[in-house]
Amino acid sequence: MVGDEETITAVLNRLRRAQGQLTGVISMIEQGRDCKDVVTQLAAVSKALDRAGFKIVASGLRECMTGAEGREPLSEAELEKLFLALA
């Protein structure tokens, strides 16, 4: 992944939080918990994943555009596709 150590740490923390929330959602479903509670927690998982994705795209945008580290730069269409994949 592209980014500085602080960004990578932030992304990993968000993903770990989402992983824990998802484990909780699975347990809630297995326990037969109320639909409203399950959906609320599932929305939290989704939001955590979205934030991690946005952070990755935002931090890597410069490298993607310039082709840093010997990689080919992404085209405008490829960059747009990355953003839309998170929509």
N, C-alpha and C. Protein backbone atom coordinates (compact mmCIF):
# COMPACT_ATOMS: atom_id res chain seq x y z
N MET A 1 0.83 -1.18 0.00
CA MET A 1 0.00 0.00 0.00
C MET A 1 0.87 1.24 0.00
N VAL A 2 0.37 2.26 -0.62
CA VAL A 2 1.07 3.52 -0.70
C VAL A 2 0.68 4.37 0.51
N GLY A 3 1.64 5.12 1.04
CA GLY A 3 1.34 6.04 2.12
C GLY A 3 2.42 6.01 3.18
N ASP A 4 2.38 7.01 4.03
CA ASP A 4 3.35 7.06 5.10
C ASP A 4 2.90 6.15 6.24
N GLU A 5 3.79 5.97 7.20
CA GLU A 5 3.52 5.04 8.30
C GLU A 5 2.27 5.45 9.09
N GLU A 6 2.09 6.74 9.31
CA GLU A 6 0.92 7.22 10.06
C GLU A 6 -0.38 6.88 9.34
N THR A 7 -0.40 7.06 8.03
CA THR A 7 -1.59 6.76 7.24
C THR A 7 -1.88 5.27 7.25
N ILE A 8 -0.86 4.48 7.07
CA ILE A 8 -1.04 3.03 7.07
C ILE A 8 -1.58 2.56 8.42
N THR A 9 -1.04 3.12 9.50
CA THR A 9 -1.52 2.76 10.84
C THR A 9 -2.99 3.13 11.01
N ALA A 10 -3.37 4.32 10.54
CA ALA A 10 -4.77 4.75 10.64
C ALA A 10 -5.70 3.83 9.85
N VAL A 11 -5.28 3.44 8.66
CA VAL A 11 -6.09 2.55 7.83
C VAL A 11 -6.22 1.19 8.51
N LEU A 12 -5.13 0.66 9.00
CA LEU A 12 -5.18 -0.64 9.67
C LEU A 12 -6.06 -0.59 10.91
N ASN A 13 -6.01 0.49 11.66
CA ASN A 13 -6.88 0.62 12.84
C ASN A 13 -8.34 0.63 12.44
N ARG A 14 -8.67 1.34 11.39
CA ARG A 14 -10.06 1.37 10.91
C ARG A 14 -10.51 -0.02 10.46
N LEU A 15 -9.65 -0.71 9.76
CA LEU A 15 -10.00 -2.05 9.28
C LEU A 15 -10.16 -3.03 10.44
N ARG A 16 -9.30 -2.92 11.44
CA ARG A 16 -9.43 -3.80 12.61
C ARG A 16 -10.73 -3.50 13.37
N ARG A 17 -11.08 -2.23 13.48
CA ARG A 17 -12.33 -1.84 14.12
C ARG A 17 -13.51 -2.43 13.35
N ALA A 18 -13.47 -2.33 12.04
CA ALA A 18 -14.54 -2.89 11.21
C ALA A 18 -14.60 -4.40 11.37
N GLN A 19 -13.45 -5.04 11.45
CA GLN A 19 -13.41 -6.49 11.63
C GLN A 19 -14.09 -6.88 12.95
N GLY A 20 -13.81 -6.14 14.01
CA GLY A 20 -14.43 -6.41 15.30
C GLY A 20 -15.94 -6.18 15.26
N GLN A 21 -16.34 -5.11 14.58
CA GLN A 21 -17.77 -4.82 14.44
C GLN A 21 -18.48 -5.91 13.64
N LEU A 22 -17.83 -6.40 12.60
CA LEU A 22 -18.43 -7.44 11.78
C LEU A 22 -18.58 -8.73 12.57
N THR A 23 -17.59 -9.05 13.38
CA THR A 23 -17.69 -10.22 14.26
C THR A 23 -18.88 -10.07 15.19
N GLY A 24 -19.08 -8.84 15.68
CA GLY A 24 -20.24 -8.57 16.54
C GLY A 24 -21.55 -8.74 15.81
N VAL A 25 -21.62 -8.30 14.56
CA VAL A 25 -22.83 -8.44 13.76
C VAL A 25 -23.15 -9.92 13.56
N ILE A 26 -22.15 -10.71 13.25
CA ILE A 26 -22.36 -12.15 13.06
C ILE A 26 -22.91 -12.77 14.34
N SER A 27 -22.34 -12.41 15.47
CA SER A 27 -22.83 -12.93 16.76
C SER A 27 -24.27 -12.50 17.02
N MET A 28 -24.57 -11.25 16.69
CA MET A 28 -25.93 -10.76 16.90
C MET A 28 -26.94 -11.56 16.07
N ILE A 29 -26.59 -11.85 14.84
CA ILE A 29 -27.48 -12.63 13.97
C ILE A 29 -27.64 -14.04 14.53
N GLU A 30 -26.53 -14.65 14.95
CA GLU A 30 -26.58 -16.00 15.52
C GLU A 30 -27.43 -16.05 16.79
N GLN A 31 -27.44 -14.96 17.54
CA GLN A 31 -28.22 -14.88 18.79
C GLN A 31 -29.67 -14.49 18.55
N GLY A 32 -30.00 -14.16 17.31
CA GLY A 32 -31.37 -13.78 17.00
C GLY A 32 -31.74 -12.39 17.50
N ARG A 33 -30.77 -11.50 17.55
CA ARG A 33 -31.01 -10.14 18.05
C ARG A 33 -31.94 -9.38 17.13
N ASP A 34 -32.48 -8.31 17.66
CA ASP A 34 -33.43 -7.45 16.95
C ASP A 34 -32.84 -6.92 15.64
N CYS A 35 -33.66 -6.90 14.62
CA CYS A 35 -33.25 -6.45 13.28
C CYS A 35 -32.66 -5.04 13.32
N LYS A 36 -33.29 -4.15 14.07
CA LYS A 36 -32.83 -2.76 14.15
C LYS A 36 -31.41 -2.69 14.68
N ASP A 37 -31.10 -3.46 15.71
CA ASP A 37 -29.76 -3.47 16.29
C ASP A 37 -28.73 -4.02 15.31
N VAL A 38 -29.11 -5.08 14.61
CA VAL A 38 -28.20 -5.70 13.64
C VAL A 38 -27.90 -4.72 12.51
N VAL A 39 -28.94 -4.09 11.98
CA VAL A 39 -28.75 -3.16 10.86
C VAL A 39 -27.92 -1.95 11.30
N THR A 40 -28.13 -1.47 12.52
CA THR A 40 -27.36 -0.34 13.03
C THR A 40 -25.87 -0.69 13.08
N GLN A 41 -25.55 -1.87 13.58
CA GLN A 41 -24.15 -2.29 13.66
C GLN A 41 -23.57 -2.57 12.27
N LEU A 42 -24.39 -3.12 11.38
CA LEU A 42 -23.93 -3.37 10.02
C LEU A 42 -23.61 -2.05 9.31
N ALA A 43 -24.40 -1.04 9.56
CA ALA A 43 -24.13 0.29 8.99
C ALA A 43 -22.81 0.84 9.52
N ALA A 44 -22.51 0.59 10.79
CA ALA A 44 -21.24 1.04 11.36
C ALA A 44 -20.06 0.34 10.69
N VAL A 45 -20.22 -0.95 10.41
CA VAL A 45 -19.16 -1.70 9.70
C VAL A 45 -18.95 -1.10 8.32
N SER A 46 -20.03 -0.85 7.63
CA SER A 46 -19.95 -0.30 6.28
C SER A 46 -19.26 1.06 6.29
N LYS A 47 -19.61 1.90 7.25
CA LYS A 47 -19.01 3.23 7.34
C LYS A 47 -17.51 3.14 7.63
N ALA A 48 -17.12 2.22 8.51
CA ALA A 48 -15.69 2.04 8.84
C ALA A 48 -14.91 1.59 7.60
N LEU A 49 -15.49 0.68 6.82
CA LEU A 49 -14.82 0.22 5.60
C LEU A 49 -14.72 1.34 4.57
N ASP A 50 -15.79 2.12 4.45
CA ASP A 50 -15.77 3.25 3.51
C ASP A 50 -14.67 4.24 3.89
N ARG A 51 -14.58 4.55 5.17
CA ARG A 51 -13.57 5.51 5.63
C ARG A 51 -12.15 4.99 5.36
N ALA A 52 -11.95 3.70 5.56
CA ALA A 52 -10.63 3.12 5.26
C ALA A 52 -10.33 3.23 3.77
N GLY A 53 -11.32 2.93 2.94
CA GLY A 53 -11.13 3.03 1.50
C GLY A 53 -10.84 4.43 1.04
N PHE A 54 -11.59 5.40 1.58
CA PHE A 54 -11.36 6.80 1.22
C PHE A 54 -9.97 7.25 1.65
N LYS A 55 -9.53 6.81 2.81
CA LYS A 55 -8.20 7.17 3.30
C LYS A 55 -7.13 6.60 2.37
N ILE A 56 -7.30 5.37 1.94
CA ILE A 56 -6.34 4.75 1.02
C ILE A 56 -6.28 5.52 -0.30
N VAL A 57 -7.44 5.82 -0.85
CA VAL A 57 -7.48 6.55 -2.13
C VAL A 57 -6.88 7.93 -1.97
N ALA A 58 -7.27 8.63 -0.90
CA ALA A 58 -6.78 10.00 -0.69
C ALA A 58 -5.26 10.02 -0.50
N SER A 59 -4.74 9.09 0.29
CA SER A 59 -3.30 9.09 0.55
C SER A 59 -2.49 8.64 -0.66
N GLY A 60 -3.09 7.81 -1.48
CA GLY A 60 -2.37 7.29 -2.63
C GLY A 60 -2.59 8.05 -3.91
N LEU A 61 -3.43 9.07 -3.86
CA LEU A 61 -3.78 9.78 -5.09
C LEU A 61 -2.57 10.37 -5.80
N ARG A 62 -1.69 11.01 -5.06
CA ARG A 62 -0.51 11.62 -5.68
C ARG A 62 0.35 10.55 -6.35
N GLU A 63 0.59 9.45 -5.65
CA GLU A 63 1.41 8.39 -6.22
C GLU A 63 0.74 7.76 -7.44
N CYS A 64 -0.58 7.63 -7.39
CA CYS A 64 -1.31 7.06 -8.52
C CYS A 64 -1.24 7.96 -9.75
N MET A 65 -1.28 9.27 -9.50
CA MET A 65 -1.27 10.22 -10.62
C MET A 65 0.12 10.37 -11.23
N THR A 66 1.15 10.25 -10.42
CA THR A 66 2.49 10.48 -10.92
C THR A 66 3.23 9.20 -11.29
N GLY A 67 2.69 8.06 -10.90
CA GLY A 67 3.37 6.81 -11.19
C GLY A 67 4.59 6.61 -10.32
N ALA A 68 4.49 6.96 -9.05
CA ALA A 68 5.62 6.84 -8.13
C ALA A 68 6.08 5.40 -8.00
N GLU A 69 7.31 5.25 -7.56
CA GLU A 69 7.93 3.94 -7.30
C GLU A 69 7.97 3.07 -8.55
N GLY A 70 8.19 3.67 -9.69
CA GLY A 70 8.36 2.91 -10.92
C GLY A 70 7.08 2.35 -11.52
N ARG A 71 5.94 2.76 -11.00
CA ARG A 71 4.66 2.28 -11.53
C ARG A 71 4.15 3.25 -12.59
N GLU A 72 3.33 2.72 -13.47
CA GLU A 72 2.69 3.56 -14.48
C GLU A 72 1.63 4.42 -13.79
N PRO A 73 1.53 5.70 -14.15
CA PRO A 73 0.47 6.53 -13.58
C PRO A 73 -0.90 6.05 -14.04
N LEU A 74 -1.89 6.23 -13.18
CA LEU A 74 -3.26 5.87 -13.55
C LEU A 74 -3.86 6.96 -14.41
N SER A 75 -4.70 6.55 -15.34
CA SER A 75 -5.40 7.52 -16.17
C SER A 75 -6.52 8.16 -15.37
N GLU A 76 -7.07 9.22 -15.90
CA GLU A 76 -8.20 9.88 -15.24
C GLU A 76 -9.36 8.90 -15.09
N ALA A 77 -9.60 8.09 -16.10
CA ALA A 77 -10.70 7.11 -16.04
C ALA A 77 -10.45 6.07 -14.94
N GLU A 78 -9.19 5.65 -14.78
CA GLU A 78 -8.87 4.68 -13.73
C GLU A 78 -9.04 5.28 -12.34
N LEU A 79 -8.65 6.54 -12.17
CA LEU A 79 -8.83 7.24 -10.90
C LEU A 79 -10.32 7.39 -10.58
N GLU A 80 -11.09 7.75 -11.60
CA GLU A 80 -12.53 7.89 -11.40
C GLU A 80 -13.15 6.56 -10.97
N LYS A 81 -12.69 5.48 -11.60
CA LYS A 81 -13.20 4.15 -11.27
C LYS A 81 -12.89 3.79 -9.81
N LEU A 82 -11.71 4.18 -9.32
CA LEU A 82 -11.35 3.94 -7.92
C LEU A 82 -12.33 4.64 -6.99
N PHE A 83 -12.59 5.91 -7.26
CA PHE A 83 -13.53 6.66 -6.42
C PHE A 83 -14.93 6.07 -6.48
N LEU A 84 -15.38 5.72 -7.67
CA LEU A 84 -16.74 5.19 -7.82
C LEU A 84 -16.88 3.80 -7.19
N ALA A 85 -15.79 3.08 -7.09
CA ALA A 85 -15.86 1.76 -6.45
C ALA A 85 -16.25 1.88 -4.98
N LEU A 86 -16.00 3.03 -4.38
CA LEU A 86 -16.35 3.26 -2.98
C LEU A 86 -17.72 3.89 -2.80
N ALA A 87 -18.33 4.30 -3.91
CA ALA A 87 -19.64 4.98 -3.81
C ALA A 87 -20.76 4.00 -3.56
